[in-house]
Amino acid sequence: MAQETADSPKPAAPYRHPDPITDAALDWFVVLQGEGADRAAFERWRAADSRHAQAFAQVARVADMPELRQ
């Protein structure tokens, strides 16, 4: 068994953004990366409130930052 050090990655705990709309946008972003995502449910969520579309666009912009790509 490998010994854990200070540099070892820790198991990911569920992250919750303090803003519920941003949190939902983050969840949708992750879900949409996988196969079989319910695009119709996503589109309903996004269309329900202009803040949803804005939050999702911000998440997508951050995810597309070159600094985050390997």
PDB file of N, CA and C in Angstrom:
ATOM      1  N   MET A   1       0.837  -1.176   0.000  1.00  0.00           N
ATOM      2  CA  MET A   1       0.000   0.000   0.000  1.00  0.00           C
ATOM      3  C   MET A   1       0.885   1.242   0.000  1.00  0.00           C
ATOM      4  N   ALA A   2       0.563   2.194  -0.847  1.00  0.00           N
ATOM      5  CA  ALA A   2       1.352   3.421  -0.943  1.00  0.00           C
ATOM      6  C   ALA A   2       1.135   4.289   0.281  1.00  0.00           C
ATOM      7  N   GLN A   3       2.216   4.916   0.690  1.00  0.00           N
ATOM      8  CA  GLN A   3       2.129   5.801   1.844  1.00  0.00           C
ATOM      9  C   GLN A   3       1.646   7.172   1.382  1.00  0.00           C
ATOM     10  N   GLU A   4       0.715   7.739   2.135  1.00  0.00           N
ATOM     11  CA  GLU A   4       0.189   9.056   1.803  1.00  0.00           C
ATOM     12  C   GLU A   4       1.147  10.128   2.298  1.00  0.00           C
ATOM     13  N   THR A   5       1.423  11.097   1.448  1.00  0.00           N
ATOM     14  CA  THR A   5       2.284  12.216   1.826  1.00  0.00           C
ATOM     15  C   THR A   5       1.481  13.507   1.727  1.00  0.00           C
ATOM     16  N   ALA A   6       2.107  14.599   2.107  1.00  0.00           N
ATOM     17  CA  ALA A   6       1.433  15.896   2.022  1.00  0.00           C
ATOM     18  C   ALA A   6       1.092  16.245   0.577  1.00  0.00           C
ATOM     19  N   ASP A   7       1.854  15.691  -0.375  1.00  0.00           N
ATOM     20  CA  ASP A   7       1.606  15.975  -1.789  1.00  0.00           C
ATOM     21  C   ASP A   7       0.608  15.018  -2.430  1.00  0.00           C
ATOM     22  N   SER A   8       0.183  13.998  -1.703  1.00  0.00           N
ATOM     23  CA  SER A   8      -0.753  13.026  -2.258  1.00  0.00           C
ATOM     24  C   SER A   8      -2.112  13.674  -2.470  1.00  0.00           C
ATOM     25  N   PRO A   9      -2.758  13.336  -3.585  1.00  0.00           N
ATOM     26  CA  PRO A   9      -4.104  13.878  -3.785  1.00  0.00           C
ATOM     27  C   PRO A   9      -5.056  13.304  -2.751  1.00  0.00           C
ATOM     28  N   LYS A  10      -5.945  14.128  -2.295  1.00  0.00           N
ATOM     29  CA  LYS A  10      -6.953  13.698  -1.327  1.00  0.00           C
ATOM     30  C   LYS A  10      -8.206  13.285  -2.093  1.00  0.00           C
ATOM     31  N   PRO A  11      -8.965  12.363  -1.530  1.00  0.00           N
ATOM     32  CA  PRO A  11     -10.227  12.010  -2.192  1.00  0.00           C
ATOM     33  C   PRO A  11     -11.105  13.252  -2.324  1.00  0.00           C
ATOM     34  N   ALA A  12     -11.736  13.358  -3.451  1.00  0.00           N
ATOM     35  CA  ALA A  12     -12.574  14.530  -3.702  1.00  0.00           C
ATOM     36  C   ALA A  12     -13.841  14.467  -2.861  1.00  0.00           C
ATOM     37  N   ALA A  13     -14.093  15.515  -2.147  1.00  0.00           N
ATOM     38  CA  ALA A  13     -15.352  15.651  -1.420  1.00  0.00           C
ATOM     39  C   ALA A  13     -16.313  16.399  -2.337  1.00  0.00           C
ATOM     40  N   PRO A  14     -17.586  16.128  -2.222  1.00  0.00           N
ATOM     41  CA  PRO A  14     -18.529  16.865  -3.069  1.00  0.00           C
ATOM     42  C   PRO A  14     -18.381  18.367  -2.844  1.00  0.00           C
ATOM     43  N   TYR A  15     -18.217  19.092  -3.920  1.00  0.00           N
ATOM     44  CA  TYR A  15     -18.064  20.543  -3.834  1.00  0.00           C
ATOM     45  C   TYR A  15     -19.425  21.189  -4.007  1.00  0.00           C
ATOM     46  N   ARG A  16     -19.705  22.166  -3.219  1.00  0.00           N
ATOM     47  CA  ARG A  16     -20.923  22.950  -3.359  1.00  0.00           C
ATOM     48  C   ARG A  16     -20.534  24.420  -3.415  1.00  0.00           C
ATOM     49  N   HIS A  17     -20.907  25.068  -4.505  1.00  0.00           N
ATOM     50  CA  HIS A  17     -20.670  26.505  -4.637  1.00  0.00           C
ATOM     51  C   HIS A  17     -21.693  27.221  -3.755  1.00  0.00           C
ATOM     52  N   PRO A  18     -21.293  28.306  -3.108  1.00  0.00           N
ATOM     53  CA  PRO A  18     -22.231  29.008  -2.229  1.00  0.00           C
ATOM     54  C   PRO A  18     -23.445  29.594  -2.955  1.00  0.00           C
ATOM     55  N   ASP A  19     -23.304  29.887  -4.245  1.00  0.00           N
ATOM     56  CA  ASP A  19     -24.438  30.387  -5.024  1.00  0.00           C
ATOM     57  C   ASP A  19     -25.152  29.198  -5.651  1.00  0.00           C
ATOM     58  N   PRO A  20     -26.421  28.969  -5.324  1.00  0.00           N
ATOM     59  CA  PRO A  20     -27.108  27.776  -5.843  1.00  0.00           C
ATOM     60  C   PRO A  20     -27.231  27.730  -7.364  1.00  0.00           C
ATOM     61  N   ILE A  21     -27.313  28.875  -8.018  1.00  0.00           N
ATOM     62  CA  ILE A  21     -27.407  28.874  -9.481  1.00  0.00           C
ATOM     63  C   ILE A  21     -26.075  28.460 -10.093  1.00  0.00           C
ATOM     64  N   THR A  22     -24.993  28.998  -9.587  1.00  0.00           N
ATOM     65  CA  THR A  22     -23.671  28.590 -10.067  1.00  0.00           C
ATOM     66  C   THR A  22     -23.429  27.124  -9.754  1.00  0.00           C
ATOM     67  N   ASP A  23     -23.871  26.680  -8.599  1.00  0.00           N
ATOM     68  CA  ASP A  23     -23.713  25.278  -8.231  1.00  0.00           C
ATOM     69  C   ASP A  23     -24.441  24.374  -9.224  1.00  0.00           C
ATOM     70  N   ALA A  24     -25.656  24.750  -9.588  1.00  0.00           N
ATOM     71  CA  ALA A  24     -26.410  23.966 -10.571  1.00  0.00           C
ATOM     72  C   ALA A  24     -25.722  24.004 -11.933  1.00  0.00           C
ATOM     73  N   ALA A  25     -25.183  25.156 -12.313  1.00  0.00           N
ATOM     74  CA  ALA A  25     -24.467  25.266 -13.591  1.00  0.00           C
ATOM     75  C   ALA A  25     -23.251  24.351 -13.604  1.00  0.00           C
ATOM     76  N   LEU A  26     -22.531  24.305 -12.497  1.00  0.00           N
ATOM     77  CA  LEU A  26     -21.381  23.393 -12.395  1.00  0.00           C
ATOM     78  C   LEU A  26     -21.829  21.946 -12.538  1.00  0.00           C
ATOM     79  N   ASP A  27     -22.917  21.595 -11.861  1.00  0.00           N
ATOM     80  CA  ASP A  27     -23.442  20.228 -11.972  1.00  0.00           C
ATOM     81  C   ASP A  27     -23.814  19.902 -13.412  1.00  0.00           C
ATOM     82  N   TRP A  28     -24.524  20.825 -14.073  1.00  0.00           N
ATOM     83  CA  TRP A  28     -24.912  20.584 -15.458  1.00  0.00           C
ATOM     84  C   TRP A  28     -23.695  20.460 -16.365  1.00  0.00           C
ATOM     85  N   PHE A  29     -22.694  21.266 -16.133  1.00  0.00           N
ATOM     86  CA  PHE A  29     -21.491  21.193 -16.961  1.00  0.00           C
ATOM     87  C   PHE A  29     -20.871  19.804 -16.874  1.00  0.00           C
ATOM     88  N   VAL A  30     -20.771  19.271 -15.677  1.00  0.00           N
ATOM     89  CA  VAL A  30     -20.191  17.937 -15.486  1.00  0.00           C
ATOM     90  C   VAL A  30     -21.075  16.880 -16.133  1.00  0.00           C
ATOM     91  N   VAL A  31     -22.374  16.960 -15.905  1.00  0.00           N
ATOM     92  CA  VAL A  31     -23.305  15.975 -16.468  1.00  0.00           C
ATOM     93  C   VAL A  31     -23.221  15.969 -17.992  1.00  0.00           C
ATOM     94  N   LEU A  32     -23.135  17.136 -18.589  1.00  0.00           N
ATOM     95  CA  LEU A  32     -23.112  17.221 -20.050  1.00  0.00           C
ATOM     96  C   LEU A  32     -21.818  16.700 -20.664  1.00  0.00           C
ATOM     97  N   GLN A  33     -20.797  16.498 -19.860  1.00  0.00           N
ATOM     98  CA  GLN A  33     -19.547  15.927 -20.367  1.00  0.00           C
ATOM     99  C   GLN A  33     -19.683  14.426 -20.614  1.00  0.00           C
ATOM    100  N   GLY A  34     -20.640  13.798 -19.973  1.00  0.00           N
ATOM    101  CA  GLY A  34     -20.819  12.354 -20.095  1.00  0.00           C
ATOM    102  C   GLY A  34     -21.789  11.990 -21.202  1.00  0.00           C
ATOM    103  N   GLU A  35     -21.833  10.709 -21.465  1.00  0.00           N
ATOM    104  CA  GLU A  35     -22.762  10.200 -22.472  1.00  0.00           C
ATOM    105  C   GLU A  35     -24.147  10.065 -21.857  1.00  0.00           C
ATOM    106  N   GLY A  36     -25.154  10.212 -22.674  1.00  0.00           N
ATOM    107  CA  GLY A  36     -26.520  10.008 -22.229  1.00  0.00           C
ATOM    108  C   GLY A  36     -27.085  11.145 -21.397  1.00  0.00           C
ATOM    109  N   ALA A  37     -26.461  12.313 -21.472  1.00  0.00           N
ATOM    110  CA  ALA A  37     -26.965  13.462 -20.718  1.00  0.00           C
ATOM    111  C   ALA A  37     -28.334  13.868 -21.262  1.00  0.00           C
ATOM    112  N   ASP A  38     -29.208  14.264 -20.384  1.00  0.00           N
ATOM    113  CA  ASP A  38     -30.559  14.684 -20.759  1.00  0.00           C
ATOM    114  C   ASP A  38     -30.518  16.141 -21.220  1.00  0.00           C
ATOM    115  N   ARG A  39     -30.239  16.322 -22.506  1.00  0.00           N
ATOM    116  CA  ARG A  39     -30.109  17.678 -23.055  1.00  0.00           C
ATOM    117  C   ARG A  39     -31.411  18.460 -22.946  1.00  0.00           C
ATOM    118  N   ALA A  40     -32.542  17.779 -23.077  1.00  0.00           N
ATOM    119  CA  ALA A  40     -33.825  18.477 -22.980  1.00  0.00           C
ATOM    120  C   ALA A  40     -34.020  19.045 -21.576  1.00  0.00           C
ATOM    121  N   ALA A  41     -33.650  18.280 -20.554  1.00  0.00           N
ATOM    122  CA  ALA A  41     -33.759  18.772 -19.173  1.00  0.00           C
ATOM    123  C   ALA A  41     -32.818  19.953 -18.963  1.00  0.00           C
ATOM    124  N   PHE A  42     -31.619  19.862 -19.527  1.00  0.00           N
ATOM    125  CA  PHE A  42     -30.676  20.973 -19.426  1.00  0.00           C
ATOM    126  C   PHE A  42     -31.243  22.223 -20.084  1.00  0.00           C
ATOM    127  N   GLU A  43     -31.779  22.075 -21.286  1.00  0.00           N
ATOM    128  CA  GLU A  43     -32.329  23.233 -22.001  1.00  0.00           C
ATOM    129  C   GLU A  43     -33.502  23.842 -21.239  1.00  0.00           C
ATOM    130  N   ARG A  44     -34.331  23.015 -20.601  1.00  0.00           N
ATOM    131  CA  ARG A  44     -35.428  23.542 -19.780  1.00  0.00           C
ATOM    132  C   ARG A  44     -34.876  24.337 -18.602  1.00  0.00           C
ATOM    133  N   TRP A  45     -33.860  23.782 -17.943  1.00  0.00           N
ATOM    134  CA  TRP A  45     -33.247  24.484 -16.813  1.00  0.00           C
ATOM    135  C   TRP A  45     -32.662  25.816 -17.282  1.00  0.00           C
ATOM    136  N   ARG A  46     -31.902  25.785 -18.364  1.00  0.00           N
ATOM    137  CA  ARG A  46     -31.242  26.994 -18.870  1.00  0.00           C
ATOM    138  C   ARG A  46     -32.258  28.056 -19.279  1.00  0.00           C
ATOM    139  N   ALA A  47     -33.367  27.649 -19.887  1.00  0.00           N
ATOM    140  CA  ALA A  47     -34.376  28.596 -20.357  1.00  0.00           C
ATOM    141  C   ALA A  47     -35.261  29.130 -19.232  1.00  0.00           C
ATOM    142  N   ALA A  48     -35.270  28.471 -18.100  1.00  0.00           N
ATOM    143  CA  ALA A  48     -36.162  28.855 -17.004  1.00  0.00           C
ATOM    144  C   ALA A  48     -35.807  30.195 -16.372  1.00  0.00           C
ATOM    145  N   ASP A  49     -34.554  30.617 -16.496  1.00  0.00           N
ATOM    146  CA  ASP A  49     -34.115  31.852 -15.832  1.00  0.00           C
ATOM    147  C   ASP A  49     -32.861  32.335 -16.554  1.00  0.00           C
ATOM    148  N   SER A  50     -32.813  33.600 -16.894  1.00  0.00           N
ATOM    149  CA  SER A  50     -31.646  34.119 -17.620  1.00  0.00           C
ATOM    150  C   SER A  50     -30.363  33.963 -16.810  1.00  0.00           C
ATOM    151  N   ARG A  51     -30.490  33.929 -15.487  1.00  0.00           N
ATOM    152  CA  ARG A  51     -29.297  33.737 -14.652  1.00  0.00           C
ATOM    153  C   ARG A  51     -28.705  32.347 -14.844  1.00  0.00           C
ATOM    154  N   HIS A  52     -29.553  31.367 -15.183  1.00  0.00           N
ATOM    155  CA  HIS A  52     -29.053  30.013 -15.441  1.00  0.00           C
ATOM    156  C   HIS A  52     -28.125  30.028 -16.649  1.00  0.00           C
ATOM    157  N   ALA A  53     -28.573  30.647 -17.722  1.00  0.00           N
ATOM    158  CA  ALA A  53     -27.757  30.707 -18.942  1.00  0.00           C
ATOM    159  C   ALA A  53     -26.463  31.472 -18.689  1.00  0.00           C
ATOM    160  N   GLN A  54     -26.539  32.565 -17.940  1.00  0.00           N
ATOM    161  CA  GLN A  54     -25.340  33.351 -17.640  1.00  0.00           C
ATOM    162  C   GLN A  54     -24.351  32.542 -16.808  1.00  0.00           C
ATOM    163  N   ALA A  55     -24.849  31.838 -15.802  1.00  0.00           N
ATOM    164  CA  ALA A  55     -23.966  31.046 -14.938  1.00  0.00           C
ATOM    165  C   ALA A  55     -23.322  29.914 -15.726  1.00  0.00           C
ATOM    166  N   PHE A  56     -24.101  29.255 -16.580  1.00  0.00           N
ATOM    167  CA  PHE A  56     -23.541  28.160 -17.367  1.00  0.00           C
ATOM    168  C   PHE A  56     -22.481  28.681 -18.332  1.00  0.00           C
ATOM    169  N   ALA A  57     -22.733  29.821 -18.950  1.00  0.00           N
ATOM    170  CA  ALA A  57     -21.748  30.401 -19.870  1.00  0.00           C
ATOM    171  C   ALA A  57     -20.450  30.729 -19.132  1.00  0.00           C
ATOM    172  N   GLN A  58     -20.558  31.225 -17.915  1.00  0.00           N
ATOM    173  CA  GLN A  58     -19.363  31.541 -17.131  1.00  0.00           C
ATOM    174  C   GLN A  58     -18.586  30.270 -16.799  1.00  0.00           C
ATOM    175  N   VAL A  59     -19.283  29.221 -16.400  1.00  0.00           N
ATOM    176  CA  VAL A  59     -18.616  27.947 -16.102  1.00  0.00           C
ATOM    177  C   VAL A  59     -17.906  27.432 -17.348  1.00  0.00           C
ATOM    178  N   ALA A  60     -18.572  27.494 -18.486  1.00  0.00           N
ATOM    179  CA  ALA A  60     -17.968  27.018 -19.736  1.00  0.00           C
ATOM    180  C   ALA A  60     -16.734  27.841 -20.103  1.00  0.00           C
ATOM    181  N   ARG A  61     -16.790  29.159 -19.889  1.00  0.00           N
ATOM    182  CA  ARG A  61     -15.623  30.006 -20.179  1.00  0.00           C
ATOM    183  C   ARG A  61     -14.442  29.625 -19.296  1.00  0.00           C
ATOM    184  N   VAL A  62     -14.701  29.411 -18.026  1.00  0.00           N
ATOM    185  CA  VAL A  62     -13.621  29.033 -17.104  1.00  0.00           C
ATOM    186  C   VAL A  62     -13.042  27.688 -17.514  1.00  0.00           C
ATOM    187  N   ALA A  63     -13.896  26.736 -17.836  1.00  0.00           N
ATOM    188  CA  ALA A  63     -13.424  25.401 -18.216  1.00  0.00           C
ATOM    189  C   ALA A  63     -12.594  25.435 -19.491  1.00  0.00           C
ATOM    190  N   ASP A  64     -12.807  26.443 -20.319  1.00  0.00           N
ATOM    191  CA  ASP A  64     -12.092  26.548 -21.595  1.00  0.00           C
ATOM    192  C   ASP A  64     -10.789  27.340 -21.477  1.00  0.00           C
ATOM    193  N   MET A  65     -10.455  27.793 -20.282  1.00  0.00           N
ATOM    194  CA  MET A  65      -9.230  28.576 -20.094  1.00  0.00           C
ATOM    195  C   MET A  65      -8.002  27.725 -20.400  1.00  0.00           C
ATOM    196  N   PRO A  66      -7.075  28.243 -21.199  1.00  0.00           N
ATOM    197  CA  PRO A  66      -5.870  27.474 -21.535  1.00  0.00           C
ATOM    198  C   PRO A  66      -5.072  27.052 -20.302  1.00  0.00           C
ATOM    199  N   GLU A  67      -5.121  27.856 -19.258  1.00  0.00           N
ATOM    200  CA  GLU A  67      -4.368  27.542 -18.044  1.00  0.00           C
ATOM    201  C   GLU A  67      -4.838  26.247 -17.387  1.00  0.00           C
ATOM    202  N   LEU A  68      -6.067  25.841 -17.687  1.00  0.00           N
ATOM    203  CA  LEU A  68      -6.618  24.630 -17.083  1.00  0.00           C
ATOM    204  C   LEU A  68      -6.419  23.396 -17.956  1.00  0.00           C
ATOM    205  N   ARG A  69      -5.910  23.594 -19.142  1.00  0.00           N
ATOM    206  CA  ARG A  69      -5.694  22.462 -20.062  1.00  0.00           C
ATOM    207  C   ARG A  69      -4.286  21.915 -19.893  1.00  0.00           C
ATOM    208  N   GLN A  70      -4.175  20.618 -20.061  1.00  0.00           N
ATOM    209  CA  GLN A  70      -2.853  19.980 -19.937  1.00  0.00           C
ATOM    210  C   GLN A  70      -2.304  19.637 -21.290  1.00  0.00           C
TER     211      GLN A  70
END
